[in-house]
Amino acid sequence: MECWPHDSLWYRIYGTEGMMENNRWENTDILNVHFQKLFGKAKLKSYKPEYKKFKIAKKTGHGGADFFILYDFIKSIKRKERPKIDVYKAMDMTLPGIIGYKSAVSNSIQMEVSDFRKEEIRKKYENDNWSPDPKDRNLQKNQPFPSILGDIEIKKEVYEKIYGKI
């Protein structure tokens, strides 16, 4: 009888000009990128994670990602360059989740994900305080429930685990 490993961290993402995946069983930190336009010849490039150079990165949140966001931000200030992930790119990554949740609690109506690069759009939302955080619900009326399941009780112990003693 063969025995396979129980856990594996394996990611695969496809795009219009190729795909990427990490190694599945060994050296799972290595990212392999296959560049290939439709009907073209594939090119493979493998990347080793930078955090191995920065021992502190592994100790920060999200597998080192929190460290690199801050590191790149500080580096961009020192070099007087735009950061790789500026506020607008961060919004592009964040807003679909927020709007998706807002749609889910609004009978799944179709909603636009706005482009906050445009000042008139920012102005439209500058007083938007929509928040599923239970603390905000207690402070303001018409806030959504923290779950699409409705009003669920979040025990005090959960908050204490996240924020410390309340």
N, C-alpha and C. Protein backbone atom coordinates (compact mmCIF):
# COMPACT_ATOMS: atom_id res chain seq x y z
N MET A 1 0.84 -1.19 0.00
CA MET A 1 0.00 0.00 0.00
C MET A 1 0.89 1.26 0.00
N GLU A 2 0.60 2.18 -0.91
CA GLU A 2 1.35 3.44 -0.95
C GLU A 2 0.73 4.44 0.02
N CYS A 3 1.57 5.29 0.53
CA CYS A 3 1.08 6.32 1.44
C CYS A 3 1.50 7.68 0.88
N TRP A 4 0.53 8.53 0.58
CA TRP A 4 0.82 9.86 0.05
C TRP A 4 0.83 10.87 1.19
N PRO A 5 1.59 11.95 1.01
CA PRO A 5 1.58 13.00 2.05
C PRO A 5 0.16 13.55 2.23
N HIS A 6 -0.15 13.86 3.44
CA HIS A 6 -1.50 14.37 3.74
C HIS A 6 -1.67 15.83 3.34
N ASP A 7 -0.64 16.61 3.51
CA ASP A 7 -0.75 18.04 3.24
C ASP A 7 0.15 18.43 2.09
N SER A 8 -0.32 19.35 1.31
CA SER A 8 0.54 19.97 0.31
C SER A 8 0.04 21.39 0.11
N LEU A 9 0.94 22.30 -0.06
CA LEU A 9 0.60 23.68 -0.38
C LEU A 9 0.92 23.85 -1.86
N TRP A 10 -0.09 23.79 -2.67
CA TRP A 10 0.13 23.83 -4.11
C TRP A 10 -0.84 24.82 -4.72
N TYR A 11 -0.31 25.76 -5.45
CA TYR A 11 -1.13 26.78 -6.07
C TYR A 11 -0.85 26.79 -7.57
N ARG A 12 -1.88 26.98 -8.34
CA ARG A 12 -1.74 27.08 -9.79
C ARG A 12 -2.70 28.18 -10.25
N ILE A 13 -2.17 29.11 -11.02
CA ILE A 13 -2.97 30.23 -11.52
C ILE A 13 -2.74 30.34 -13.02
N TYR A 14 -3.83 30.43 -13.77
CA TYR A 14 -3.76 30.57 -15.22
C TYR A 14 -4.09 31.99 -15.62
N GLY A 15 -3.40 32.48 -16.65
CA GLY A 15 -3.67 33.79 -17.20
C GLY A 15 -3.72 33.70 -18.71
N THR A 16 -3.85 34.85 -19.34
CA THR A 16 -3.98 34.86 -20.80
C THR A 16 -2.65 34.63 -21.51
N GLU A 17 -1.55 34.81 -20.82
CA GLU A 17 -0.24 34.63 -21.47
C GLU A 17 0.64 33.65 -20.72
N GLY A 18 0.03 32.72 -20.02
CA GLY A 18 0.81 31.72 -19.32
C GLY A 18 0.15 31.30 -18.03
N MET A 19 0.93 30.63 -17.21
CA MET A 19 0.44 30.18 -15.91
C MET A 19 1.59 30.10 -14.94
N MET A 20 1.25 30.01 -13.66
CA MET A 20 2.29 29.85 -12.66
C MET A 20 1.80 28.89 -11.60
N GLU A 21 2.76 28.20 -11.01
CA GLU A 21 2.46 27.29 -9.92
C GLU A 21 3.70 27.11 -9.08
N ASN A 22 3.47 26.76 -7.83
CA ASN A 22 4.61 26.45 -6.98
C ASN A 22 4.86 24.94 -7.05
N ASN A 23 6.05 24.54 -6.63
CA ASN A 23 6.34 23.12 -6.55
C ASN A 23 5.37 22.48 -5.56
N ARG A 24 4.99 21.26 -5.83
CA ARG A 24 3.93 20.64 -5.03
C ARG A 24 4.43 19.91 -3.80
N TRP A 25 5.46 19.11 -3.89
CA TRP A 25 5.84 18.26 -2.76
C TRP A 25 7.13 18.70 -2.09
N GLU A 26 8.09 19.17 -2.85
CA GLU A 26 9.37 19.61 -2.28
C GLU A 26 9.65 21.03 -2.74
N ASN A 27 10.36 21.77 -1.92
CA ASN A 27 10.69 23.16 -2.25
C ASN A 27 9.45 23.93 -2.68
N THR A 28 8.40 23.87 -1.88
CA THR A 28 7.12 24.47 -2.25
C THR A 28 7.18 25.99 -2.32
N ASP A 29 8.25 26.60 -1.83
CA ASP A 29 8.40 28.05 -1.91
C ASP A 29 8.78 28.50 -3.32
N ILE A 30 9.27 27.62 -4.15
CA ILE A 30 9.71 28.00 -5.49
C ILE A 30 8.50 28.18 -6.39
N LEU A 31 8.46 29.29 -7.12
CA LEU A 31 7.37 29.61 -8.02
C LEU A 31 7.86 29.41 -9.45
N ASN A 32 7.15 28.59 -10.20
CA ASN A 32 7.48 28.32 -11.60
C ASN A 32 6.48 29.07 -12.48
N VAL A 33 7.00 29.90 -13.39
CA VAL A 33 6.14 30.68 -14.27
C VAL A 33 6.36 30.19 -15.69
N HIS A 34 5.28 29.82 -16.34
CA HIS A 34 5.30 29.35 -17.72
C HIS A 34 4.72 30.47 -18.58
N PHE A 35 5.58 31.15 -19.34
CA PHE A 35 5.13 32.21 -20.24
C PHE A 35 4.79 31.56 -21.57
N GLN A 36 3.56 31.74 -22.05
CA GLN A 36 3.19 31.15 -23.33
C GLN A 36 1.98 31.86 -23.89
N LYS A 37 2.18 32.54 -25.00
CA LYS A 37 1.03 33.11 -25.70
C LYS A 37 0.35 31.99 -26.45
N LEU A 38 -0.88 32.19 -26.82
CA LEU A 38 -1.67 31.17 -27.49
C LEU A 38 -0.90 30.60 -28.68
N PHE A 39 -0.73 29.32 -28.71
CA PHE A 39 -0.04 28.56 -29.77
C PHE A 39 1.45 28.91 -29.86
N GLY A 40 1.97 29.62 -28.89
CA GLY A 40 3.39 29.95 -28.91
C GLY A 40 4.20 28.94 -28.12
N LYS A 41 5.50 29.11 -28.19
CA LYS A 41 6.40 28.22 -27.45
C LYS A 41 6.48 28.69 -26.00
N ALA A 42 6.43 27.74 -25.08
CA ALA A 42 6.46 28.07 -23.65
C ALA A 42 7.89 28.37 -23.20
N LYS A 43 8.00 29.33 -22.30
CA LYS A 43 9.27 29.63 -21.63
C LYS A 43 9.03 29.47 -20.15
N LEU A 44 9.93 28.81 -19.48
CA LEU A 44 9.79 28.57 -18.05
C LEU A 44 10.83 29.38 -17.29
N LYS A 45 10.39 30.03 -16.23
CA LYS A 45 11.30 30.73 -15.33
C LYS A 45 10.87 30.39 -13.91
N SER A 46 11.83 30.05 -13.08
CA SER A 46 11.54 29.72 -11.68
C SER A 46 12.11 30.80 -10.77
N TYR A 47 11.38 31.12 -9.73
CA TYR A 47 11.78 32.16 -8.79
C TYR A 47 11.89 31.56 -7.40
N LYS A 48 12.94 31.94 -6.71
CA LYS A 48 13.08 31.57 -5.31
C LYS A 48 12.62 32.76 -4.48
N PRO A 49 11.97 32.52 -3.36
CA PRO A 49 11.44 33.64 -2.58
C PRO A 49 12.54 34.52 -2.00
N GLU A 50 12.29 35.82 -2.04
CA GLU A 50 13.26 36.78 -1.50
C GLU A 50 13.36 36.72 0.02
N TYR A 51 12.29 36.27 0.67
CA TYR A 51 12.30 36.37 2.13
C TYR A 51 13.43 35.55 2.74
N LYS A 52 14.01 34.62 2.00
CA LYS A 52 15.13 33.87 2.56
C LYS A 52 16.29 34.82 2.87
N LYS A 53 16.39 35.94 2.12
CA LYS A 53 17.41 36.95 2.39
C LYS A 53 17.06 37.78 3.62
N PHE A 54 15.77 37.85 3.94
CA PHE A 54 15.29 38.68 5.05
C PHE A 54 14.67 37.77 6.10
N LYS A 55 15.43 37.37 7.07
CA LYS A 55 14.94 36.42 8.07
C LYS A 55 13.73 36.95 8.83
N ILE A 56 13.64 38.25 9.00
CA ILE A 56 12.51 38.83 9.73
C ILE A 56 11.21 38.64 8.96
N ALA A 57 11.26 38.56 7.63
CA ALA A 57 10.04 38.44 6.82
C ALA A 57 9.22 37.23 7.21
N LYS A 58 9.86 36.11 7.43
CA LYS A 58 9.14 34.88 7.75
C LYS A 58 8.40 35.00 9.09
N LYS A 59 8.86 35.91 9.95
CA LYS A 59 8.23 36.09 11.26
C LYS A 59 7.02 37.03 11.21
N THR A 60 6.84 37.72 10.08
CA THR A 60 5.72 38.66 9.97
C THR A 60 4.51 37.93 9.43
N GLY A 61 3.41 38.63 9.35
CA GLY A 61 2.15 38.02 8.94
C GLY A 61 2.09 37.63 7.48
N HIS A 62 1.15 36.75 7.18
CA HIS A 62 0.84 36.30 5.82
C HIS A 62 2.06 35.74 5.10
N GLY A 63 2.84 34.92 5.80
CA GLY A 63 3.96 34.23 5.18
C GLY A 63 5.06 35.16 4.70
N GLY A 64 5.18 36.32 5.28
CA GLY A 64 6.20 37.28 4.87
C GLY A 64 5.66 38.39 4.00
N ALA A 65 4.44 38.26 3.51
CA ALA A 65 3.87 39.27 2.61
C ALA A 65 3.76 40.63 3.29
N ASP A 66 3.39 40.66 4.57
CA ASP A 66 3.27 41.94 5.27
C ASP A 66 4.61 42.67 5.28
N PHE A 67 5.68 41.94 5.50
CA PHE A 67 7.02 42.54 5.51
C PHE A 67 7.33 43.19 4.16
N PHE A 68 7.05 42.47 3.07
CA PHE A 68 7.44 42.98 1.76
C PHE A 68 6.62 44.17 1.31
N ILE A 69 5.37 44.26 1.71
CA ILE A 69 4.58 45.45 1.40
C ILE A 69 5.23 46.67 2.05
N LEU A 70 5.58 46.55 3.33
CA LEU A 70 6.22 47.65 4.03
C LEU A 70 7.61 47.92 3.48
N TYR A 71 8.37 46.88 3.22
CA TYR A 71 9.72 47.00 2.67
C TYR A 71 9.70 47.74 1.33
N ASP A 72 8.81 47.32 0.43
CA ASP A 72 8.71 47.98 -0.88
C ASP A 72 8.24 49.42 -0.75
N PHE A 73 7.35 49.69 0.21
CA PHE A 73 6.87 51.06 0.42
C PHE A 73 8.02 51.96 0.87
N ILE A 74 8.80 51.51 1.85
CA ILE A 74 9.93 52.30 2.34
C ILE A 74 10.97 52.48 1.25
N LYS A 75 11.25 51.41 0.50
CA LYS A 75 12.22 51.47 -0.60
C LYS A 75 11.76 52.49 -1.66
N SER A 76 10.47 52.53 -1.95
CA SER A 76 9.96 53.47 -2.95
C SER A 76 10.11 54.91 -2.47
N ILE A 77 9.94 55.14 -1.17
CA ILE A 77 10.12 56.49 -0.63
C ILE A 77 11.59 56.90 -0.75
N LYS A 78 12.48 56.00 -0.35
CA LYS A 78 13.92 56.31 -0.41
C LYS A 78 14.37 56.59 -1.84
N ARG A 79 13.85 55.82 -2.80
CA ARG A 79 14.26 55.98 -4.20
C ARG A 79 13.40 56.98 -4.96
N LYS A 80 12.40 57.53 -4.28
CA LYS A 80 11.47 58.49 -4.88
C LYS A 80 10.81 57.89 -6.12
N GLU A 81 10.32 56.65 -5.95
CA GLU A 81 9.62 55.92 -7.01
C GLU A 81 8.24 55.52 -6.52
N ARG A 82 7.37 55.20 -7.46
CA ARG A 82 6.05 54.65 -7.08
C ARG A 82 6.27 53.25 -6.52
N PRO A 83 5.56 52.90 -5.45
CA PRO A 83 5.68 51.53 -4.95
C PRO A 83 5.04 50.55 -5.94
N LYS A 84 5.48 49.30 -5.91
CA LYS A 84 4.90 48.28 -6.80
C LYS A 84 3.41 48.17 -6.59
N ILE A 85 3.00 48.23 -5.33
CA ILE A 85 1.57 48.20 -5.02
C ILE A 85 1.23 49.53 -4.36
N ASP A 86 0.71 50.45 -5.18
CA ASP A 86 0.32 51.75 -4.64
C ASP A 86 -1.11 51.66 -4.12
N VAL A 87 -1.63 52.75 -3.64
CA VAL A 87 -2.96 52.73 -3.02
C VAL A 87 -4.02 52.30 -4.02
N TYR A 88 -3.86 52.66 -5.29
CA TYR A 88 -4.88 52.30 -6.28
C TYR A 88 -4.84 50.82 -6.63
N LYS A 89 -3.64 50.27 -6.75
CA LYS A 89 -3.53 48.84 -7.01
C LYS A 89 -4.05 48.06 -5.79
N ALA A 90 -3.79 48.57 -4.60
CA ALA A 90 -4.32 47.93 -3.39
C ALA A 90 -5.85 47.95 -3.40
N MET A 91 -6.42 49.06 -3.84
CA MET A 91 -7.88 49.14 -3.94
C MET A 91 -8.41 48.18 -5.00
N ASP A 92 -7.68 48.05 -6.12
CA ASP A 92 -8.09 47.11 -7.17
C ASP A 92 -8.15 45.68 -6.63
N MET A 93 -7.27 45.37 -5.68
CA MET A 93 -7.24 44.03 -5.11
C MET A 93 -8.25 43.85 -3.99
N THR A 94 -8.59 44.93 -3.30
CA THR A 94 -9.46 44.87 -2.13
C THR A 94 -10.94 45.01 -2.47
N LEU A 95 -11.25 45.95 -3.35
CA LEU A 95 -12.65 46.28 -3.62
C LEU A 95 -13.50 45.12 -4.13
N PRO A 96 -13.00 44.22 -5.00
CA PRO A 96 -13.88 43.14 -5.44
C PRO A 96 -14.43 42.29 -4.29
N GLY A 97 -13.64 42.07 -3.26
CA GLY A 97 -14.14 41.32 -2.10
C GLY A 97 -15.19 42.09 -1.34
N ILE A 98 -14.95 43.38 -1.14
CA ILE A 98 -15.92 44.21 -0.41
C ILE A 98 -17.22 44.31 -1.19
N ILE A 99 -17.11 44.59 -2.49
CA ILE A 99 -18.31 44.72 -3.32
C ILE A 99 -19.02 43.38 -3.44
N GLY A 100 -18.25 42.29 -3.51
CA GLY A 100 -18.86 40.96 -3.56
C GLY A 100 -19.69 40.67 -2.33
N TYR A 101 -19.16 41.06 -1.16
CA TYR A 101 -19.91 40.85 0.08
C TYR A 101 -21.14 41.76 0.11
N LYS A 102 -20.95 43.00 -0.32
CA LYS A 102 -22.07 43.94 -0.33
C LYS A 102 -23.18 43.42 -1.26
N SER A 103 -22.79 42.84 -2.39
CA SER A 103 -23.76 42.24 -3.30
C SER A 103 -24.46 41.05 -2.65
N ALA A 104 -23.69 40.21 -1.97
CA ALA A 104 -24.25 39.01 -1.33
C ALA A 104 -25.31 39.36 -0.29
N VAL A 105 -25.09 40.42 0.47
CA VAL A 105 -26.07 40.80 1.50
C VAL A 105 -27.17 41.70 0.92
N SER A 106 -27.10 41.97 -0.39
CA SER A 106 -28.11 42.78 -1.07
C SER A 106 -28.82 41.96 -2.14
N ASN A 107 -29.12 40.71 -1.81
CA ASN A 107 -29.82 39.81 -2.74
C ASN A 107 -29.04 39.58 -4.03
N SER A 108 -27.73 39.60 -3.95
CA SER A 108 -26.83 39.30 -5.08
C SER A 108 -27.06 40.20 -6.29
N ILE A 109 -27.40 41.46 -6.03
CA ILE A 109 -27.56 42.39 -7.16
C ILE A 109 -26.19 42.67 -7.78
N GLN A 110 -26.21 42.97 -9.07
CA GLN A 110 -24.97 43.30 -9.77
C GLN A 110 -24.50 44.67 -9.30
N MET A 111 -23.21 44.78 -8.99
CA MET A 111 -22.65 46.03 -8.51
C MET A 111 -21.34 46.32 -9.24
N GLU A 112 -21.08 47.57 -9.48
CA GLU A 112 -19.85 47.98 -10.15
C GLU A 112 -18.71 48.08 -9.14
N VAL A 113 -17.53 47.67 -9.57
CA VAL A 113 -16.32 47.89 -8.77
C VAL A 113 -15.71 49.18 -9.32
N SER A 114 -15.76 50.22 -8.52
CA SER A 114 -15.35 51.56 -8.97
C SER A 114 -13.84 51.70 -9.08
N ASP A 115 -13.42 52.63 -9.93
CA ASP A 115 -12.02 52.95 -10.13
C ASP A 115 -11.71 54.23 -9.35
N PHE A 116 -11.04 54.08 -8.22
CA PHE A 116 -10.79 55.22 -7.35
C PHE A 116 -9.66 56.12 -7.83
N ARG A 117 -9.13 55.86 -9.01
CA ARG A 117 -8.16 56.78 -9.61
C ARG A 117 -8.84 58.07 -10.03
N LYS A 118 -10.15 58.01 -10.24
CA LYS A 118 -10.91 59.17 -10.72
C LYS A 118 -11.45 59.94 -9.52
N GLU A 119 -11.15 61.22 -9.48
CA GLU A 119 -11.54 62.04 -8.34
C GLU A 119 -13.05 62.08 -8.14
N GLU A 120 -13.83 62.11 -9.22
CA GLU A 120 -15.29 62.16 -9.07
C GLU A 120 -15.82 60.89 -8.40
N ILE A 121 -15.15 59.76 -8.62
CA ILE A 121 -15.55 58.51 -7.97
C ILE A 121 -15.19 58.57 -6.48
N ARG A 122 -13.98 59.05 -6.17
CA ARG A 122 -13.58 59.17 -4.76
C ARG A 122 -14.55 60.09 -4.02
N LYS A 123 -14.92 61.19 -4.65
CA LYS A 123 -15.83 62.14 -4.04
C LYS A 123 -17.18 61.48 -3.74
N LYS A 124 -17.65 60.65 -4.67
CA LYS A 124 -18.93 59.97 -4.52
C LYS A 124 -18.95 59.08 -3.27
N TYR A 125 -17.81 58.51 -2.92
CA TYR A 125 -17.74 57.56 -1.81
C TYR A 125 -17.10 58.12 -0.54
N GLU A 126 -16.77 59.40 -0.52
CA GLU A 126 -16.01 59.91 0.63
C GLU A 126 -16.74 59.83 1.96
N ASN A 127 -18.05 59.76 1.95
CA ASN A 127 -18.81 59.62 3.20
C ASN A 127 -19.42 58.24 3.37
N ASP A 128 -18.97 57.29 2.56
CA ASP A 128 -19.48 55.92 2.64
C ASP A 128 -18.85 55.24 3.86
N ASN A 129 -19.69 54.85 4.79
CA ASN A 129 -19.18 54.21 6.01
C ASN A 129 -19.74 52.80 6.18
N TRP A 130 -20.10 52.16 5.06
CA TRP A 130 -20.65 50.81 5.07
C TRP A 130 -19.63 49.86 5.65
N SER A 131 -20.02 49.09 6.66
CA SER A 131 -19.06 48.22 7.33
C SER A 131 -19.76 47.05 7.99
N PRO A 132 -19.30 45.82 7.71
CA PRO A 132 -19.88 44.66 8.40
C PRO A 132 -19.27 44.38 9.77
N ASP A 133 -18.38 45.24 10.23
CA ASP A 133 -17.77 45.05 11.55
C ASP A 133 -18.86 45.21 12.62
N PRO A 134 -19.04 44.21 13.48
CA PRO A 134 -20.09 44.31 14.52
C PRO A 134 -19.98 45.55 15.39
N LYS A 135 -18.77 46.03 15.63
CA LYS A 135 -18.61 47.23 16.45
C LYS A 135 -19.25 48.43 15.76
N ASP A 136 -19.11 48.52 14.41
CA ASP A 136 -19.73 49.62 13.67
C ASP A 136 -21.24 49.49 13.66
N ARG A 137 -21.72 48.27 13.64
CA ARG A 137 -23.17 48.02 13.67
C ARG A 137 -23.78 48.55 14.96
N ASN A 138 -23.03 48.43 16.04
CA ASN A 138 -23.51 48.93 17.32
C ASN A 138 -23.50 50.46 17.38
N LEU A 139 -22.63 51.09 16.59
CA LEU A 139 -22.51 52.54 16.62
C LEU A 139 -23.45 53.24 15.63
N GLN A 140 -23.74 52.58 14.51
CA GLN A 140 -24.53 53.22 13.46
C GLN A 140 -25.62 52.28 12.97
N LYS A 141 -26.77 52.87 12.64
CA LYS A 141 -27.86 52.07 12.09
C LYS A 141 -27.57 51.76 10.62
N ASN A 142 -28.31 50.80 10.09
CA ASN A 142 -28.25 50.41 8.67
C ASN A 142 -26.92 49.82 8.24
N GLN A 143 -26.16 49.29 9.17
CA GLN A 143 -24.94 48.58 8.80
C GLN A 143 -25.29 47.11 8.57
N PRO A 144 -24.57 46.43 7.69
CA PRO A 144 -24.88 45.03 7.40
C PRO A 144 -24.46 44.11 8.55
N PHE A 145 -25.02 42.93 8.54
CA PHE A 145 -24.58 41.92 9.49
C PHE A 145 -23.17 41.46 9.12
N PRO A 146 -22.41 40.96 10.06
CA PRO A 146 -21.05 40.50 9.77
C PRO A 146 -21.01 39.19 9.01
N SER A 147 -22.16 38.60 8.74
CA SER A 147 -22.22 37.32 8.03
C SER A 147 -23.43 37.34 7.10
N ILE A 148 -23.29 36.68 5.94
CA ILE A 148 -24.45 36.56 5.07
C ILE A 148 -25.53 35.68 5.70
N LEU A 149 -25.17 35.02 6.80
CA LEU A 149 -26.13 34.20 7.54
C LEU A 149 -26.99 35.05 8.47
N GLY A 150 -26.72 36.35 8.55
CA GLY A 150 -27.52 37.23 9.39
C GLY A 150 -26.80 37.60 10.67
N ASP A 151 -27.57 37.83 11.69
CA ASP A 151 -27.03 38.31 12.96
C ASP A 151 -26.53 37.12 13.78
N ILE A 152 -25.25 36.86 13.68
CA ILE A 152 -24.67 35.78 14.48
C ILE A 152 -23.90 36.38 15.64
N GLU A 153 -23.87 35.67 16.73
CA GLU A 153 -23.16 36.17 17.91
C GLU A 153 -21.68 35.80 17.82
N ILE A 154 -20.84 36.79 17.99
CA ILE A 154 -19.40 36.55 18.05
C ILE A 154 -19.02 36.66 19.52
N LYS A 155 -18.53 35.57 20.05
CA LYS A 155 -18.25 35.51 21.48
C LYS A 155 -17.11 36.44 21.86
N LYS A 156 -17.18 36.94 23.08
CA LYS A 156 -16.18 37.85 23.62
C LYS A 156 -14.78 37.24 23.53
N GLU A 157 -14.67 35.93 23.70
CA GLU A 157 -13.37 35.24 23.66
C GLU A 157 -12.69 35.40 22.30
N VAL A 158 -13.50 35.46 21.24
CA VAL A 158 -12.94 35.63 19.89
C VAL A 158 -12.26 37.00 19.79
N TYR A 159 -12.96 38.04 20.26
CA TYR A 159 -12.37 39.38 20.24
C TYR A 159 -11.13 39.45 21.11
N GLU A 160 -11.17 38.81 22.27
CA GLU A 160 -10.02 38.82 23.16
C GLU A 160 -8.82 38.12 22.54
N LYS A 161 -9.09 37.07 21.79
CA LYS A 161 -8.00 36.36 21.11
C LYS A 161 -7.35 37.25 20.06
N ILE A 162 -8.16 38.05 19.38
CA ILE A 162 -7.63 38.93 18.32
C ILE A 162 -7.03 40.21 18.91
N TYR A 163 -7.76 40.86 19.80
CA TYR A 163 -7.36 42.20 20.28
C TYR A 163 -6.77 42.22 21.69
N GLY A 164 -6.80 41.10 22.39
CA GLY A 164 -6.38 41.09 23.79
C GLY A 164 -7.58 41.34 24.68
N LYS A 165 -7.35 41.43 25.95
CA LYS A 165 -8.44 41.63 26.91
C LYS A 165 -9.20 42.90 26.60
N ILE A 166 -10.52 42.79 26.63
CA ILE A 166 -11.39 43.95 26.32
C ILE A 166 -11.80 44.61 27.61
